Amino acid sequence: MSAVASRSVTWLVAGVLGSGCVTAPQFYAHEAEFERAIKELKASGGAGGQTRLAELGTQVDALHEEIARLRGAVEETRYLAEQALSEARAARNAAGSPAQPTEGSAAAAPSGGLTPVSVEVRSYEEGFAFYRAGEYEAAIDRFRAFLQNHASSDYADNALFWMGECYAKLGDYERAVLTFQDVVKRFPEGNKVPDALYRQGIALLEIGEQTQDEETYTAAARQIFERIVREHPQSERVAEAERQLEALGP
C-alpha cells in the first residue's frame, strides 16, 4: 500500500472520529451462537470451549462467504434482466418507428449491432464476471474502465462498490476503505450507500487488527456502524451493523 493511500485512510478515520437484497436468518443465528460461545469461553476458559469456538468461527466465515455469493448472484441476475428489458424496448421502438435511424443519429447502434445500452451493460458484466471468478485485479481494471467510459451510468455506484470489494478480497483494506468512501461521496442517494458504509466499517476493523491500532480503527468503525443504523434504518444492513456494535461492546 502506498504512503498516500495510508495517509488518506488515516485522514478519513480522523474525520469519522471527529464527526459526531438477500436475507440470511441462518447466518444471524450462527453469528449469535458464535457470540454466545465467546462469552462462555471467557467465563470458563476451558480447552473444549476453544475447540467449539474454532468450529463456530469456521461456520460463521462460511456463512459470510455464502451471503456474499448470494448477493453477487442477485446483482448478476438483476443486470441481466435489465439488459434484456432495455434491448426489448430498443427493438420495440425500432419496430414502431417509420424510419430507421441514420448512421450518424444518436439512436444508431454501434458496430456489431449492439445498442449503447447493451454496450454499457456488457461492459459492467465483464467486470462482474471477473469478480465472480475470483480474478479481482482483472475485475478492478474492468470496473475502472467502465467508470471512465460510463461515468453517468445507473450502474456506476455498483461498479465502484464492487471495486472496493475486490480490494478487500485482495487484502488491500486501505484502498477498500477509500473506494467505499468514494461510493458514499459520489452517489449519496444511491442504493449502495448502506452496503458501502458497512463494508467500510469491516475494512477499518481489519486495518486496526493489521496495524495493531485497534483502539483507533475500532472507534472509527463503530461510528460507521452507528451511522448506518441512524441514517439508513430501512436498510437490510442495519441488523448486521447492530450485531457489529454489540460485538464491539460499549
C-alpha atoms as a PDB file:
ATOM      1  CA  MET A   1       0.000   0.000   0.000  1.00  0.00           C
ATOM      2  CA  SER A   2       1.336   3.427  -0.944  1.00  0.00           C
ATOM      3  CA  ALA A   3       2.046   6.047   1.690  1.00  0.00           C
ATOM      4  CA  VAL A   4      -0.514   8.315   0.001  1.00  0.00           C
ATOM      5  CA  ALA A   5      -3.296   5.760   0.406  1.00  0.00           C
ATOM      6  CA  SER A   6      -2.310   5.074   4.014  1.00  0.00           C
ATOM      7  CA  ARG A   7      -2.368   8.792   4.818  1.00  0.00           C
ATOM      8  CA  SER A   8      -5.750   9.129   3.111  1.00  0.00           C
ATOM      9  CA  VAL A   9      -7.210   6.365   5.279  1.00  0.00           C
ATOM     10  CA  THR A  10      -5.712   7.981   8.376  1.00  0.00           C
ATOM     11  CA  TRP A  11      -7.356  11.292   7.469  1.00  0.00           C
ATOM     12  CA  LEU A  12     -10.641   9.524   6.804  1.00  0.00           C
ATOM     13  CA  VAL A  13     -10.539   7.799  10.192  1.00  0.00           C
ATOM     14  CA  ALA A  14      -9.727  11.088  11.866  1.00  0.00           C
ATOM     15  CA  GLY A  15     -12.693  12.663  10.099  1.00  0.00           C
ATOM     16  CA  VAL A  16     -15.029   9.902  11.210  1.00  0.00           C
ATOM     17  CA  LEU A  17     -13.888  10.166  14.812  1.00  0.00           C
ATOM     18  CA  GLY A  18     -14.187  13.918  14.738  1.00  0.00           C
ATOM     19  CA  SER A  19     -17.721  13.918  13.327  1.00  0.00           C
ATOM     20  CA  GLY A  20     -20.433  13.267  15.608  1.00  0.00           C
ATOM     21  CA  CYS A  21     -31.315  -7.731  -1.064  1.00  0.00           C
ATOM     22  CA  VAL A  22     -30.566 -11.201   0.316  1.00  0.00           C
ATOM     23  CA  THR A  23     -31.717 -12.230   3.777  1.00  0.00           C
ATOM     24  CA  ALA A  24     -29.968 -14.960   5.746  1.00  0.00           C
ATOM     25  CA  PRO A  25     -31.627 -15.890   9.075  1.00  0.00           C
ATOM     26  CA  GLN A  26     -29.293 -18.853   9.379  1.00  0.00           C
ATOM     27  CA  PHE A  27     -26.314 -16.522   9.264  1.00  0.00           C
ATOM     28  CA  TYR A  28     -27.672 -14.403  12.098  1.00  0.00           C
ATOM     29  CA  ALA A  29     -28.476 -17.478  14.181  1.00  0.00           C
ATOM     30  CA  HIS A  30     -24.952 -18.847  13.814  1.00  0.00           C
ATOM     31  CA  GLU A  31     -23.403 -15.459  14.459  1.00  0.00           C
ATOM     32  CA  ALA A  32     -25.442 -15.101  17.659  1.00  0.00           C
ATOM     33  CA  GLU A  33     -24.328 -18.574  18.712  1.00  0.00           C
ATOM     34  CA  PHE A  34     -20.749 -17.605  17.939  1.00  0.00           C
ATOM     35  CA  GLU A  35     -21.009 -14.537  20.152  1.00  0.00           C
ATOM     36  CA  ARG A  36     -22.522 -16.612  22.966  1.00  0.00           C
ATOM     37  CA  ALA A  37     -19.656 -19.055  22.634  1.00  0.00           C
ATOM     38  CA  ILE A  38     -17.169 -16.229  23.043  1.00  0.00           C
ATOM     39  CA  LYS A  39     -18.852 -15.160  26.283  1.00  0.00           C
ATOM     40  CA  GLU A  40     -18.939 -18.743  27.557  1.00  0.00           C
ATOM     41  CA  LEU A  41     -15.295 -19.196  26.659  1.00  0.00           C
ATOM     42  CA  LYS A  42     -14.305 -16.089  28.579  1.00  0.00           C
ATOM     43  CA  ALA A  43     -16.279 -17.326  31.568  1.00  0.00           C
ATOM     44  CA  SER A  44     -14.986 -20.923  31.535  1.00  0.00           C
ATOM     45  CA  GLY A  45     -11.574 -20.737  29.922  1.00  0.00           C
ATOM     46  CA  GLY A  46     -11.891 -24.451  29.071  1.00  0.00           C
ATOM     47  CA  ALA A  47      -9.965 -26.173  26.292  1.00  0.00           C
ATOM     48  CA  GLY A  48     -13.213 -27.644  24.972  1.00  0.00           C
ATOM     49  CA  GLY A  49     -14.543 -24.143  24.584  1.00  0.00           C
ATOM     50  CA  GLN A  50     -11.584 -23.277  22.361  1.00  0.00           C
ATOM     51  CA  THR A  51     -12.401 -26.169  20.053  1.00  0.00           C
ATOM     52  CA  ARG A  52     -16.082 -25.261  19.895  1.00  0.00           C
ATOM     53  CA  LEU A  53     -15.206 -21.619  19.277  1.00  0.00           C
ATOM     54  CA  ALA A  54     -12.954 -22.576  16.371  1.00  0.00           C
ATOM     55  CA  GLU A  55     -15.705 -24.714  14.867  1.00  0.00           C
ATOM     56  CA  LEU A  56     -18.251 -21.911  15.145  1.00  0.00           C
ATOM     57  CA  GLY A  57     -15.782 -19.427  13.714  1.00  0.00           C
ATOM     58  CA  THR A  58     -15.371 -21.609  10.641  1.00  0.00           C
ATOM     59  CA  GLN A  59     -19.147 -21.824  10.242  1.00  0.00           C
ATOM     60  CA  VAL A  60     -19.586 -18.063  10.510  1.00  0.00           C
ATOM     61  CA  ASP A  61     -16.833 -17.450   7.937  1.00  0.00           C
ATOM     62  CA  ALA A  62     -18.511 -19.887   5.562  1.00  0.00           C
ATOM     63  CA  LEU A  63     -21.853 -18.139   6.020  1.00  0.00           C
ATOM     64  CA  HIS A  64     -20.278 -14.757   5.340  1.00  0.00           C
ATOM     65  CA  GLU A  65     -18.947 -16.125   2.054  1.00  0.00           C
ATOM     66  CA  GLU A  66     -22.315 -17.637   1.173  1.00  0.00           C
ATOM     67  CA  ILE A  67     -24.117 -14.327   1.742  1.00  0.00           C
ATOM     68  CA  ALA A  68     -21.542 -12.559  -0.434  1.00  0.00           C
ATOM     69  CA  ARG A  69     -22.093 -15.185  -3.134  1.00  0.00           C
ATOM     70  CA  LEU A  70     -25.874 -14.813  -2.934  1.00  0.00           C
ATOM     71  CA  ARG A  71     -25.689 -11.034  -3.116  1.00  0.00           C
ATOM     72  CA  GLY A  72     -23.466 -11.386  -6.147  1.00  0.00           C
ATOM     73  CA  ALA A  73     -25.926 -13.759  -7.799  1.00  0.00           C
ATOM     74  CA  VAL A  74     -28.766 -11.310  -7.179  1.00  0.00           C
ATOM     75  CA  GLU A  75     -26.722  -8.484  -8.689  1.00  0.00           C
ATOM     76  CA  GLU A  76     -25.889 -10.551 -11.749  1.00  0.00           C
ATOM     77  CA  THR A  77     -29.486 -11.664 -12.283  1.00  0.00           C
ATOM     78  CA  ARG A  78     -30.755  -8.134 -11.857  1.00  0.00           C
ATOM     79  CA  TYR A  79     -28.467  -6.681 -14.500  1.00  0.00           C
ATOM     80  CA  LEU A  80     -29.049  -9.497 -16.962  1.00  0.00           C
ATOM     81  CA  ALA A  81     -32.780  -8.832 -16.601  1.00  0.00           C
ATOM     82  CA  GLU A  82     -32.278  -5.100 -17.060  1.00  0.00           C
ATOM     83  CA  GLN A  83     -30.188  -5.734 -20.141  1.00  0.00           C
ATOM     84  CA  ALA A  84     -32.898  -7.923 -21.669  1.00  0.00           C
ATOM     85  CA  LEU A  85     -35.544  -5.313 -20.860  1.00  0.00           C
ATOM     86  CA  SER A  86     -33.506  -2.483 -22.373  1.00  0.00           C
ATOM     87  CA  GLU A  87     -32.855  -4.429 -25.568  1.00  0.00           C
ATOM     88  CA  ALA A  88     -36.528  -5.381 -25.818  1.00  0.00           C
ATOM     89  CA  ARG A  89     -37.527  -1.727 -25.505  1.00  0.00           C
ATOM     90  CA  ALA A  90     -34.995  -0.728 -28.131  1.00  0.00           C
ATOM     91  CA  ALA A  91     -36.308  -3.387 -30.507  1.00  0.00           C
ATOM     92  CA  ARG A  92     -39.910  -2.304 -29.885  1.00  0.00           C
ATOM     93  CA  ASN A  93     -39.106   1.346 -30.516  1.00  0.00           C
ATOM     94  CA  ALA A  94     -37.248   0.467 -33.705  1.00  0.00           C
ATOM     95  CA  ALA A  95     -40.179  -1.622 -34.933  1.00  0.00           C
ATOM     96  CA  GLY A  96     -42.624   1.210 -34.292  1.00  0.00           C
ATOM     97  CA  SER A  97     -40.506   3.873 -35.954  1.00  0.00           C
ATOM     98  CA  PRO A  98     -41.453   4.884 -39.521  1.00  0.00           C
ATOM     99  CA  ALA A  99     -37.824   5.369 -40.461  1.00  0.00           C
ATOM    100  CA  GLN A 100     -34.649   3.609 -39.475  1.00  0.00           C
ATOM    101  CA  PRO A 101     -32.059   5.760 -37.681  1.00  0.00           C
ATOM    102  CA  THR A 102     -29.342   7.085 -39.917  1.00  0.00           C
ATOM    103  CA  GLU A 103     -25.695   6.176 -39.441  1.00  0.00           C
ATOM    104  CA  GLY A 104     -24.951   9.475 -37.751  1.00  0.00           C
ATOM    105  CA  SER A 105     -28.007   9.602 -35.494  1.00  0.00           C
ATOM    106  CA  ALA A 106     -27.741   9.248 -31.704  1.00  0.00           C
ATOM    107  CA  ALA A 107     -30.024   6.230 -31.806  1.00  0.00           C
ATOM    108  CA  ALA A 108     -27.852   4.307 -34.242  1.00  0.00           C
ATOM    109  CA  ALA A 109     -26.347   1.124 -32.840  1.00  0.00           C
ATOM    110  CA  PRO A 110     -22.554   0.881 -32.674  1.00  0.00           C
ATOM    111  CA  SER A 111     -20.679  -1.637 -34.803  1.00  0.00           C
ATOM    112  CA  GLY A 112     -21.644  -5.214 -34.104  1.00  0.00           C
ATOM    113  CA  GLY A 113     -25.337  -4.359 -33.817  1.00  0.00           C
ATOM    114  CA  LEU A 114     -25.222  -3.552 -30.097  1.00  0.00           C
ATOM    115  CA  THR A 115     -27.211  -0.634 -28.712  1.00  0.00           C
ATOM    116  CA  PRO A 116     -25.430   1.884 -26.448  1.00  0.00           C
ATOM    117  CA  VAL A 117     -27.349   0.461 -23.506  1.00  0.00           C
ATOM    118  CA  SER A 118     -26.238  -3.101 -24.227  1.00  0.00           C
ATOM    119  CA  VAL A 119     -22.612  -1.981 -24.643  1.00  0.00           C
ATOM    120  CA  GLU A 120     -22.793  -0.276 -21.263  1.00  0.00           C
ATOM    121  CA  VAL A 121     -24.324  -3.271 -19.510  1.00  0.00           C
ATOM    122  CA  ARG A 122     -21.984  -5.728 -21.176  1.00  0.00           C
ATOM    123  CA  SER A 123     -19.021  -3.666 -20.014  1.00  0.00           C
ATOM    124  CA  TYR A 124     -20.318  -3.812 -16.458  1.00  0.00           C
ATOM    125  CA  GLU A 125     -20.965  -7.530 -16.712  1.00  0.00           C
ATOM    126  CA  GLU A 126     -17.401  -8.182 -17.837  1.00  0.00           C
ATOM    127  CA  GLY A 127     -16.090  -6.683 -14.612  1.00  0.00           C
ATOM    128  CA  PHE A 128     -18.638  -8.515 -12.531  1.00  0.00           C
ATOM    129  CA  ALA A 129     -17.834 -11.826 -14.213  1.00  0.00           C
ATOM    130  CA  PHE A 130     -14.174 -11.420 -13.259  1.00  0.00           C
ATOM    131  CA  TYR A 131     -15.227 -10.647  -9.685  1.00  0.00           C
ATOM    132  CA  ARG A 132     -17.369 -13.774  -9.518  1.00  0.00           C
ATOM    133  CA  ALA A 133     -14.451 -15.810 -10.886  1.00  0.00           C
ATOM    134  CA  GLY A 134     -12.132 -14.513  -8.161  1.00  0.00           C
ATOM    135  CA  GLU A 135      -9.969 -12.615 -10.652  1.00  0.00           C
ATOM    136  CA  TYR A 136     -10.045  -9.444  -8.606  1.00  0.00           C
ATOM    137  CA  GLU A 137      -7.261  -7.481 -10.270  1.00  0.00           C
ATOM    138  CA  ALA A 138      -8.819  -8.055 -13.695  1.00  0.00           C
ATOM    139  CA  ALA A 139     -12.205  -7.060 -12.264  1.00  0.00           C
ATOM    140  CA  ILE A 140     -10.732  -3.825 -10.901  1.00  0.00           C
ATOM    141  CA  ASP A 141      -9.335  -2.994 -14.350  1.00  0.00           C
ATOM    142  CA  ARG A 142     -12.711  -3.638 -15.997  1.00  0.00           C
ATOM    143  CA  PHE A 143     -14.673  -1.654 -13.428  1.00  0.00           C
ATOM    144  CA  ARG A 144     -12.200   1.227 -13.689  1.00  0.00           C
ATOM    145  CA  ALA A 145     -12.600   1.275 -17.480  1.00  0.00           C
ATOM    146  CA  PHE A 146     -16.369   1.103 -17.082  1.00  0.00           C
ATOM    147  CA  LEU A 147     -16.360   4.140 -14.787  1.00  0.00           C
ATOM    148  CA  GLN A 148     -14.170   6.072 -17.201  1.00  0.00           C
ATOM    149  CA  ASN A 149     -16.440   5.305 -20.154  1.00  0.00           C
ATOM    150  CA  HIS A 150     -19.819   5.345 -18.394  1.00  0.00           C
ATOM    151  CA  ALA A 151     -19.406   7.779 -15.510  1.00  0.00           C
ATOM    152  CA  SER A 152     -23.093   8.732 -15.520  1.00  0.00           C
ATOM    153  CA  SER A 153     -24.379   5.156 -15.786  1.00  0.00           C
ATOM    154  CA  ASP A 154     -27.007   3.871 -13.385  1.00  0.00           C
ATOM    155  CA  TYR A 155     -24.532   1.081 -12.672  1.00  0.00           C
ATOM    156  CA  ALA A 156     -21.639   3.395 -11.758  1.00  0.00           C
ATOM    157  CA  ASP A 157     -22.164   3.162  -7.988  1.00  0.00           C
ATOM    158  CA  ASN A 158     -22.365  -0.622  -8.237  1.00  0.00           C
ATOM    159  CA  ALA A 159     -19.144  -0.783 -10.249  1.00  0.00           C
ATOM    160  CA  LEU A 160     -17.361   1.375  -7.693  1.00  0.00           C
ATOM    161  CA  PHE A 161     -18.734  -0.713  -4.829  1.00  0.00           C
ATOM    162  CA  TRP A 162     -17.512  -3.957  -6.393  1.00  0.00           C
ATOM    163  CA  MET A 163     -14.112  -2.366  -6.937  1.00  0.00           C
ATOM    164  CA  GLY A 164     -13.995  -1.834  -3.184  1.00  0.00           C
ATOM    165  CA  GLU A 165     -14.951  -5.467  -2.643  1.00  0.00           C
ATOM    166  CA  CYS A 166     -12.134  -6.530  -4.959  1.00  0.00           C
ATOM    167  CA  TYR A 167      -9.605  -4.547  -2.953  1.00  0.00           C
ATOM    168  CA  ALA A 168     -10.928  -6.114   0.260  1.00  0.00           C
ATOM    169  CA  LYS A 169     -10.646  -9.598  -1.251  1.00  0.00           C
ATOM    170  CA  LEU A 170      -7.039  -8.825  -2.158  1.00  0.00           C
ATOM    171  CA  GLY A 171      -6.342  -7.742   1.421  1.00  0.00           C
ATOM    172  CA  ASP A 172      -5.780  -4.120   0.412  1.00  0.00           C
ATOM    173  CA  TYR A 173      -8.095  -2.745   3.080  1.00  0.00           C
ATOM    174  CA  GLU A 174      -6.774   0.802   2.851  1.00  0.00           C
ATOM    175  CA  ARG A 175      -7.822   1.077  -0.802  1.00  0.00           C
ATOM    176  CA  ALA A 176     -11.063  -0.689   0.032  1.00  0.00           C
ATOM    177  CA  VAL A 177     -11.887   1.928   2.680  1.00  0.00           C
ATOM    178  CA  LEU A 178     -11.170   4.768   0.264  1.00  0.00           C
ATOM    179  CA  THR A 179     -13.187   3.170  -2.535  1.00  0.00           C
ATOM    180  CA  PHE A 180     -16.204   2.560  -0.307  1.00  0.00           C
ATOM    181  CA  GLN A 181     -15.924   6.147   0.888  1.00  0.00           C
ATOM    182  CA  ASP A 182     -15.949   7.247  -2.756  1.00  0.00           C
ATOM    183  CA  VAL A 183     -19.241   5.381  -3.272  1.00  0.00           C
ATOM    184  CA  VAL A 184     -20.814   7.336  -0.418  1.00  0.00           C
ATOM    185  CA  LYS A 185     -19.351  10.649  -1.566  1.00  0.00           C
ATOM    186  CA  ARG A 186     -20.138  10.354  -5.264  1.00  0.00           C
ATOM    187  CA  PHE A 187     -23.522   8.628  -5.002  1.00  0.00           C
ATOM    188  CA  PRO A 188     -25.064   9.815  -1.708  1.00  0.00           C
ATOM    189  CA  GLU A 189     -28.581   8.955  -2.890  1.00  0.00           C
ATOM    190  CA  GLY A 190     -27.625   5.593  -4.394  1.00  0.00           C
ATOM    191  CA  ASN A 191     -28.829   2.261  -3.066  1.00  0.00           C
ATOM    192  CA  LYS A 192     -25.255   1.091  -2.479  1.00  0.00           C
ATOM    193  CA  VAL A 193     -24.541   3.594   0.302  1.00  0.00           C
ATOM    194  CA  PRO A 194     -25.518   1.328   3.260  1.00  0.00           C
ATOM    195  CA  ASP A 195     -23.553  -1.570   1.764  1.00  0.00           C
ATOM    196  CA  ALA A 196     -20.527   0.642   1.159  1.00  0.00           C
ATOM    197  CA  LEU A 197     -20.652   2.031   4.687  1.00  0.00           C
ATOM    198  CA  TYR A 198     -20.906  -1.435   6.211  1.00  0.00           C
ATOM    199  CA  ARG A 199     -18.022  -2.824   4.182  1.00  0.00           C
ATOM    200  CA  GLN A 200     -16.014   0.280   5.016  1.00  0.00           C
ATOM    201  CA  GLY A 201     -16.548  -0.421   8.703  1.00  0.00           C
ATOM    202  CA  ILE A 202     -15.410  -4.024   8.296  1.00  0.00           C
ATOM    203  CA  ALA A 203     -12.319  -2.898   6.387  1.00  0.00           C
ATOM    204  CA  LEU A 204     -11.464  -0.423   9.160  1.00  0.00           C
ATOM    205  CA  LEU A 205     -11.603  -3.257  11.695  1.00  0.00           C
ATOM    206  CA  GLU A 206      -9.233  -5.266   9.509  1.00  0.00           C
ATOM    207  CA  ILE A 207      -6.798  -2.345   9.310  1.00  0.00           C
ATOM    208  CA  GLY A 208      -6.904  -1.977  13.082  1.00  0.00           C
ATOM    209  CA  GLU A 209      -6.022  -5.636  13.503  1.00  0.00           C
ATOM    210  CA  GLN A 210      -3.219  -5.463  10.939  1.00  0.00           C
ATOM    211  CA  THR A 211      -1.678  -2.296  12.354  1.00  0.00           C
ATOM    212  CA  GLN A 212      -2.307  -3.274  15.992  1.00  0.00           C
ATOM    213  CA  ASP A 213      -4.047   0.065  16.411  1.00  0.00           C
ATOM    214  CA  GLU A 214      -7.418  -1.474  17.162  1.00  0.00           C
ATOM    215  CA  GLU A 215      -8.498   1.300  19.507  1.00  0.00           C
ATOM    216  CA  THR A 216      -8.379   3.972  16.796  1.00  0.00           C
ATOM    217  CA  TYR A 217      -9.850   1.945  13.962  1.00  0.00           C
ATOM    218  CA  THR A 218     -12.476   0.244  16.105  1.00  0.00           C
ATOM    219  CA  ALA A 219     -13.735   3.653  17.208  1.00  0.00           C
ATOM    220  CA  ALA A 220     -13.963   4.751  13.562  1.00  0.00           C
ATOM    221  CA  ALA A 221     -15.745   1.548  12.556  1.00  0.00           C
ATOM    222  CA  ARG A 222     -18.185   1.942  15.447  1.00  0.00           C
ATOM    223  CA  GLN A 223     -19.215   5.367  14.198  1.00  0.00           C
ATOM    224  CA  ILE A 224     -19.689   3.967  10.694  1.00  0.00           C
ATOM    225  CA  PHE A 225     -21.997   1.212  12.013  1.00  0.00           C
ATOM    226  CA  GLU A 226     -23.889   3.738  14.131  1.00  0.00           C
ATOM    227  CA  ARG A 227     -24.324   5.908  11.039  1.00  0.00           C
ATOM    228  CA  ILE A 228     -25.945   3.013   9.166  1.00  0.00           C
ATOM    229  CA  VAL A 229     -28.443   2.484  11.975  1.00  0.00           C
ATOM    230  CA  ARG A 230     -29.149   6.206  12.265  1.00  0.00           C
ATOM    231  CA  GLU A 231     -29.262   7.274   8.613  1.00  0.00           C
ATOM    232  CA  HIS A 232     -30.443   4.109   6.847  1.00  0.00           C
ATOM    233  CA  PRO A 233     -32.973   2.484   9.195  1.00  0.00           C
ATOM    234  CA  GLN A 234     -34.738   0.646   6.349  1.00  0.00           C
ATOM    235  CA  SER A 235     -31.590  -0.997   5.035  1.00  0.00           C
ATOM    236  CA  GLU A 236     -31.016  -4.724   5.487  1.00  0.00           C
ATOM    237  CA  ARG A 237     -27.532  -3.745   6.661  1.00  0.00           C
ATOM    238  CA  VAL A 238     -28.967  -2.352   9.902  1.00  0.00           C
ATOM    239  CA  ALA A 239     -29.209  -5.786  11.540  1.00  0.00           C
ATOM    240  CA  GLU A 240     -25.612  -6.546  10.621  1.00  0.00           C
ATOM    241  CA  ALA A 241     -24.427  -3.144  11.827  1.00  0.00           C
ATOM    242  CA  GLU A 242     -26.220  -3.647  15.143  1.00  0.00           C
ATOM    243  CA  ARG A 243     -24.574  -7.024  15.580  1.00  0.00           C
ATOM    244  CA  GLN A 244     -21.188  -5.492  14.917  1.00  0.00           C
ATOM    245  CA  LEU A 245     -21.901  -2.810  17.521  1.00  0.00           C
ATOM    246  CA  GLU A 246     -22.962  -5.472  20.019  1.00  0.00           C
ATOM    247  CA  ALA A 247     -19.795  -7.461  19.349  1.00  0.00           C
ATOM    248  CA  LEU A 248     -17.644  -4.350  19.786  1.00  0.00           C
ATOM    249  CA  GLY A 249     -19.196  -3.728  23.180  1.00  0.00           C
ATOM    250  CA  PRO A 250     -19.750  -0.420  24.969  1.00  0.00           C
END
